Structures are given as C-alpha cells and as structure tokens.
Amino acid sequence: MNFDADVNLNVHEIGILLSALQLLSNRDENTIAREYGSASALYNKLYTVYETMDDSQTGIRYEPTIQPSF
C-alpha cells in the first residue's frame, strides 16, 4: 500500500491549492487537521515549491472556449 504519490502540478494548479488553503476557516482547518494533518504545513510545503516556479504568467487568463465563473 502506497502512502506517497508523485503528482505533476503546474504553477497555476499550485496557486489554486495555495489560495484554497488560505481561504479555509478555522473550523475547516481544525477538521482537516484531525482527519489528515496540518493544512498550514501543507501550505508551507506547496509554497516552497511554488517559489521555485515561474509565476510570471499567473494572472487571469481568458480562453475563448471557457466562460469565467465570476
């Protein structure tokens, strides 16, 4: 049984995860911590990777076939 997995994520995907982790309420963060571990530790780990990536193109991008949800 595997407990680790390698997942290829681009800078945009890691940015989404970082944003989602920042938006967690204290209640959600505590619930996640009880079940899986520290969300802040995961954030720090992802942010360390994010800092090494090229984030010069992380602004909002409009693609012709995708409608923004906002």
N, C-alpha and C. Protein backbone atom coordinates (compact mmCIF):
# COMPACT_ATOMS: atom_id res chain seq x y z
N MET A 1 0.85 -1.18 0.00
CA MET A 1 0.00 0.00 0.00
C MET A 1 0.89 1.24 0.00
N ASN A 2 0.64 2.16 -0.94
CA ASN A 2 1.41 3.40 -1.05
C ASN A 2 0.86 4.47 -0.12
N PHE A 3 1.78 5.24 0.46
CA PHE A 3 1.39 6.38 1.29
C PHE A 3 1.86 7.70 0.70
N ASP A 4 2.67 7.62 -0.34
CA ASP A 4 3.16 8.80 -1.04
C ASP A 4 2.85 8.65 -2.52
N ALA A 5 2.66 9.79 -3.17
CA ALA A 5 2.44 9.80 -4.60
C ALA A 5 3.11 11.03 -5.20
N ASP A 6 3.66 10.87 -6.38
CA ASP A 6 4.20 12.00 -7.12
C ASP A 6 3.12 12.50 -8.06
N VAL A 7 2.82 13.79 -7.97
CA VAL A 7 1.79 14.39 -8.80
C VAL A 7 2.40 15.60 -9.51
N ASN A 8 2.30 15.63 -10.81
CA ASN A 8 2.81 16.76 -11.58
C ASN A 8 1.76 17.87 -11.60
N LEU A 9 2.11 19.01 -11.01
CA LEU A 9 1.23 20.18 -10.99
C LEU A 9 1.96 21.35 -11.60
N ASN A 10 1.22 22.17 -12.36
CA ASN A 10 1.86 23.37 -12.90
C ASN A 10 1.67 24.52 -11.91
N VAL A 11 2.29 25.65 -12.23
CA VAL A 11 2.27 26.79 -11.32
C VAL A 11 0.85 27.28 -11.05
N HIS A 12 -0.04 27.17 -12.03
CA HIS A 12 -1.42 27.61 -11.85
C HIS A 12 -2.16 26.70 -10.87
N GLU A 13 -1.94 25.41 -11.00
CA GLU A 13 -2.61 24.45 -10.12
C GLU A 13 -2.14 24.59 -8.68
N ILE A 14 -0.85 24.79 -8.49
CA ILE A 14 -0.34 25.00 -7.14
C ILE A 14 -0.88 26.31 -6.58
N GLY A 15 -0.99 27.33 -7.41
CA GLY A 15 -1.57 28.60 -6.98
C GLY A 15 -3.01 28.43 -6.50
N ILE A 16 -3.78 27.60 -7.20
CA ILE A 16 -5.16 27.33 -6.79
C ILE A 16 -5.18 26.67 -5.42
N LEU A 17 -4.34 25.68 -5.24
CA LEU A 17 -4.30 24.99 -3.95
C LEU A 17 -3.87 25.94 -2.83
N LEU A 18 -2.89 26.78 -3.09
CA LEU A 18 -2.45 27.74 -2.07
C LEU A 18 -3.58 28.71 -1.72
N SER A 19 -4.29 29.18 -2.73
CA SER A 19 -5.41 30.09 -2.49
C SER A 19 -6.50 29.41 -1.67
N ALA A 20 -6.81 28.18 -2.02
CA ALA A 20 -7.84 27.44 -1.29
C ALA A 20 -7.43 27.22 0.16
N LEU A 21 -6.18 26.91 0.39
CA LEU A 21 -5.71 26.71 1.76
C LEU A 21 -5.77 28.01 2.57
N GLN A 22 -5.52 29.14 1.92
CA GLN A 22 -5.60 30.43 2.62
C GLN A 22 -7.03 30.78 2.99
N LEU A 23 -7.99 30.28 2.25
CA LEU A 23 -9.40 30.62 2.49
C LEU A 23 -10.09 29.72 3.50
N LEU A 24 -9.40 28.74 4.03
CA LEU A 24 -10.01 27.85 5.00
C LEU A 24 -10.39 28.61 6.27
N SER A 25 -11.56 28.31 6.78
CA SER A 25 -11.95 28.88 8.07
C SER A 25 -11.22 28.11 9.16
N ASN A 26 -11.19 28.67 10.36
CA ASN A 26 -10.55 27.97 11.48
C ASN A 26 -11.22 26.62 11.72
N ARG A 27 -12.53 26.59 11.60
CA ARG A 27 -13.27 25.34 11.80
C ARG A 27 -12.86 24.29 10.77
N ASP A 28 -12.80 24.70 9.50
CA ASP A 28 -12.40 23.77 8.45
C ASP A 28 -10.96 23.29 8.65
N GLU A 29 -10.09 24.21 9.02
CA GLU A 29 -8.70 23.85 9.24
C GLU A 29 -8.56 22.83 10.38
N ASN A 30 -9.33 23.01 11.45
CA ASN A 30 -9.30 22.06 12.56
C ASN A 30 -9.85 20.69 12.15
N THR A 31 -10.91 20.70 11.36
CA THR A 31 -11.48 19.44 10.88
C THR A 31 -10.48 18.69 10.01
N ILE A 32 -9.83 19.40 9.11
CA ILE A 32 -8.82 18.79 8.25
C ILE A 32 -7.64 18.28 9.08
N ALA A 33 -7.23 19.05 10.06
CA ALA A 33 -6.10 18.64 10.90
C ALA A 33 -6.39 17.35 11.65
N ARG A 34 -7.61 17.19 12.12
CA ARG A 34 -7.96 15.95 12.83
C ARG A 34 -7.95 14.74 11.90
N GLU A 35 -8.38 14.94 10.68
CA GLU A 35 -8.50 13.82 9.74
C GLU A 35 -7.21 13.52 8.98
N TYR A 36 -6.50 14.60 8.55
CA TYR A 36 -5.37 14.40 7.64
C TYR A 36 -4.04 14.99 8.08
N GLY A 37 -4.07 16.00 8.91
CA GLY A 37 -2.84 16.67 9.31
C GLY A 37 -2.96 18.18 9.10
N SER A 38 -1.89 18.86 9.36
CA SER A 38 -1.86 20.32 9.35
C SER A 38 -1.98 20.91 7.95
N ALA A 39 -2.99 21.75 7.75
CA ALA A 39 -3.14 22.45 6.48
C ALA A 39 -2.03 23.48 6.30
N SER A 40 -1.58 24.09 7.38
CA SER A 40 -0.52 25.09 7.27
C SER A 40 0.81 24.43 6.87
N ALA A 41 1.06 23.21 7.33
CA ALA A 41 2.26 22.50 6.92
C ALA A 41 2.21 22.19 5.42
N LEU A 42 1.04 21.80 4.94
CA LEU A 42 0.87 21.54 3.51
C LEU A 42 1.06 22.83 2.72
N TYR A 43 0.49 23.93 3.21
CA TYR A 43 0.66 25.22 2.55
C TYR A 43 2.14 25.57 2.43
N ASN A 44 2.87 25.43 3.53
CA ASN A 44 4.30 25.77 3.52
C ASN A 44 5.08 24.90 2.53
N LYS A 45 4.74 23.63 2.47
CA LYS A 45 5.40 22.71 1.56
C LYS A 45 5.12 23.11 0.10
N LEU A 46 3.86 23.38 -0.21
CA LEU A 46 3.48 23.78 -1.56
C LEU A 46 4.08 25.14 -1.92
N TYR A 47 4.11 26.06 -0.96
CA TYR A 47 4.63 27.39 -1.22
C TYR A 47 6.13 27.34 -1.53
N THR A 48 6.85 26.46 -0.87
CA THR A 48 8.27 26.28 -1.13
C THR A 48 8.49 25.86 -2.58
N VAL A 49 7.65 24.96 -3.07
CA VAL A 49 7.73 24.54 -4.46
C VAL A 49 7.32 25.68 -5.39
N TYR A 50 6.25 26.38 -5.04
CA TYR A 50 5.71 27.48 -5.84
C TYR A 50 6.77 28.57 -6.05
N GLU A 51 7.54 28.85 -5.01
CA GLU A 51 8.57 29.90 -5.09
C GLU A 51 9.63 29.58 -6.13
N THR A 52 9.85 28.31 -6.42
CA THR A 52 10.89 27.92 -7.38
C THR A 52 10.37 27.92 -8.82
N MET A 53 9.06 28.12 -9.00
CA MET A 53 8.45 28.03 -10.33
C MET A 53 8.30 29.42 -10.95
N ASP A 54 8.16 29.43 -12.27
CA ASP A 54 7.95 30.68 -13.00
C ASP A 54 6.49 31.09 -12.86
N ASP A 55 6.22 32.12 -12.07
CA ASP A 55 4.85 32.57 -11.85
C ASP A 55 4.55 33.87 -12.60
N SER A 56 5.32 34.16 -13.63
CA SER A 56 5.13 35.42 -14.36
C SER A 56 3.84 35.44 -15.18
N GLN A 57 3.23 34.30 -15.41
CA GLN A 57 2.01 34.22 -16.22
C GLN A 57 0.83 33.72 -15.40
N THR A 58 0.74 34.08 -14.12
CA THR A 58 -0.32 33.53 -13.27
C THR A 58 -1.56 34.41 -13.17
N GLY A 59 -1.64 35.49 -13.93
CA GLY A 59 -2.81 36.34 -13.91
C GLY A 59 -4.01 35.64 -14.51
N ILE A 60 -5.17 36.29 -14.44
CA ILE A 60 -6.39 35.72 -15.01
C ILE A 60 -6.21 35.61 -16.52
N ARG A 61 -6.48 34.42 -17.02
CA ARG A 61 -6.38 34.19 -18.46
C ARG A 61 -7.76 33.84 -18.98
N TYR A 62 -8.17 34.52 -20.03
CA TYR A 62 -9.46 34.22 -20.65
C TYR A 62 -9.23 33.37 -21.87
N GLU A 63 -9.82 32.21 -21.87
CA GLU A 63 -9.73 31.33 -23.02
C GLU A 63 -11.06 31.39 -23.76
N PRO A 64 -11.03 31.38 -25.07
CA PRO A 64 -12.27 31.59 -25.84
C PRO A 64 -13.35 30.54 -25.60
N THR A 65 -12.98 29.34 -25.23
CA THR A 65 -13.99 28.29 -25.06
C THR A 65 -14.44 28.13 -23.61
N ILE A 66 -13.83 28.87 -22.70
CA ILE A 66 -14.17 28.74 -21.28
C ILE A 66 -14.73 30.07 -20.79
N GLN A 67 -15.89 30.04 -20.19
CA GLN A 67 -16.50 31.23 -19.63
C GLN A 67 -16.10 31.36 -18.17
N PRO A 68 -15.63 32.52 -17.73
CA PRO A 68 -15.29 32.71 -16.31
C PRO A 68 -16.53 32.51 -15.44
N SER A 69 -16.33 32.00 -14.27
CA SER A 69 -17.47 31.73 -13.38
C SER A 69 -17.79 32.92 -12.47
N PHE A 70 -17.11 34.03 -12.67
CA PHE A 70 -17.36 35.19 -11.81
C PHE A 70 -18.07 36.29 -12.53
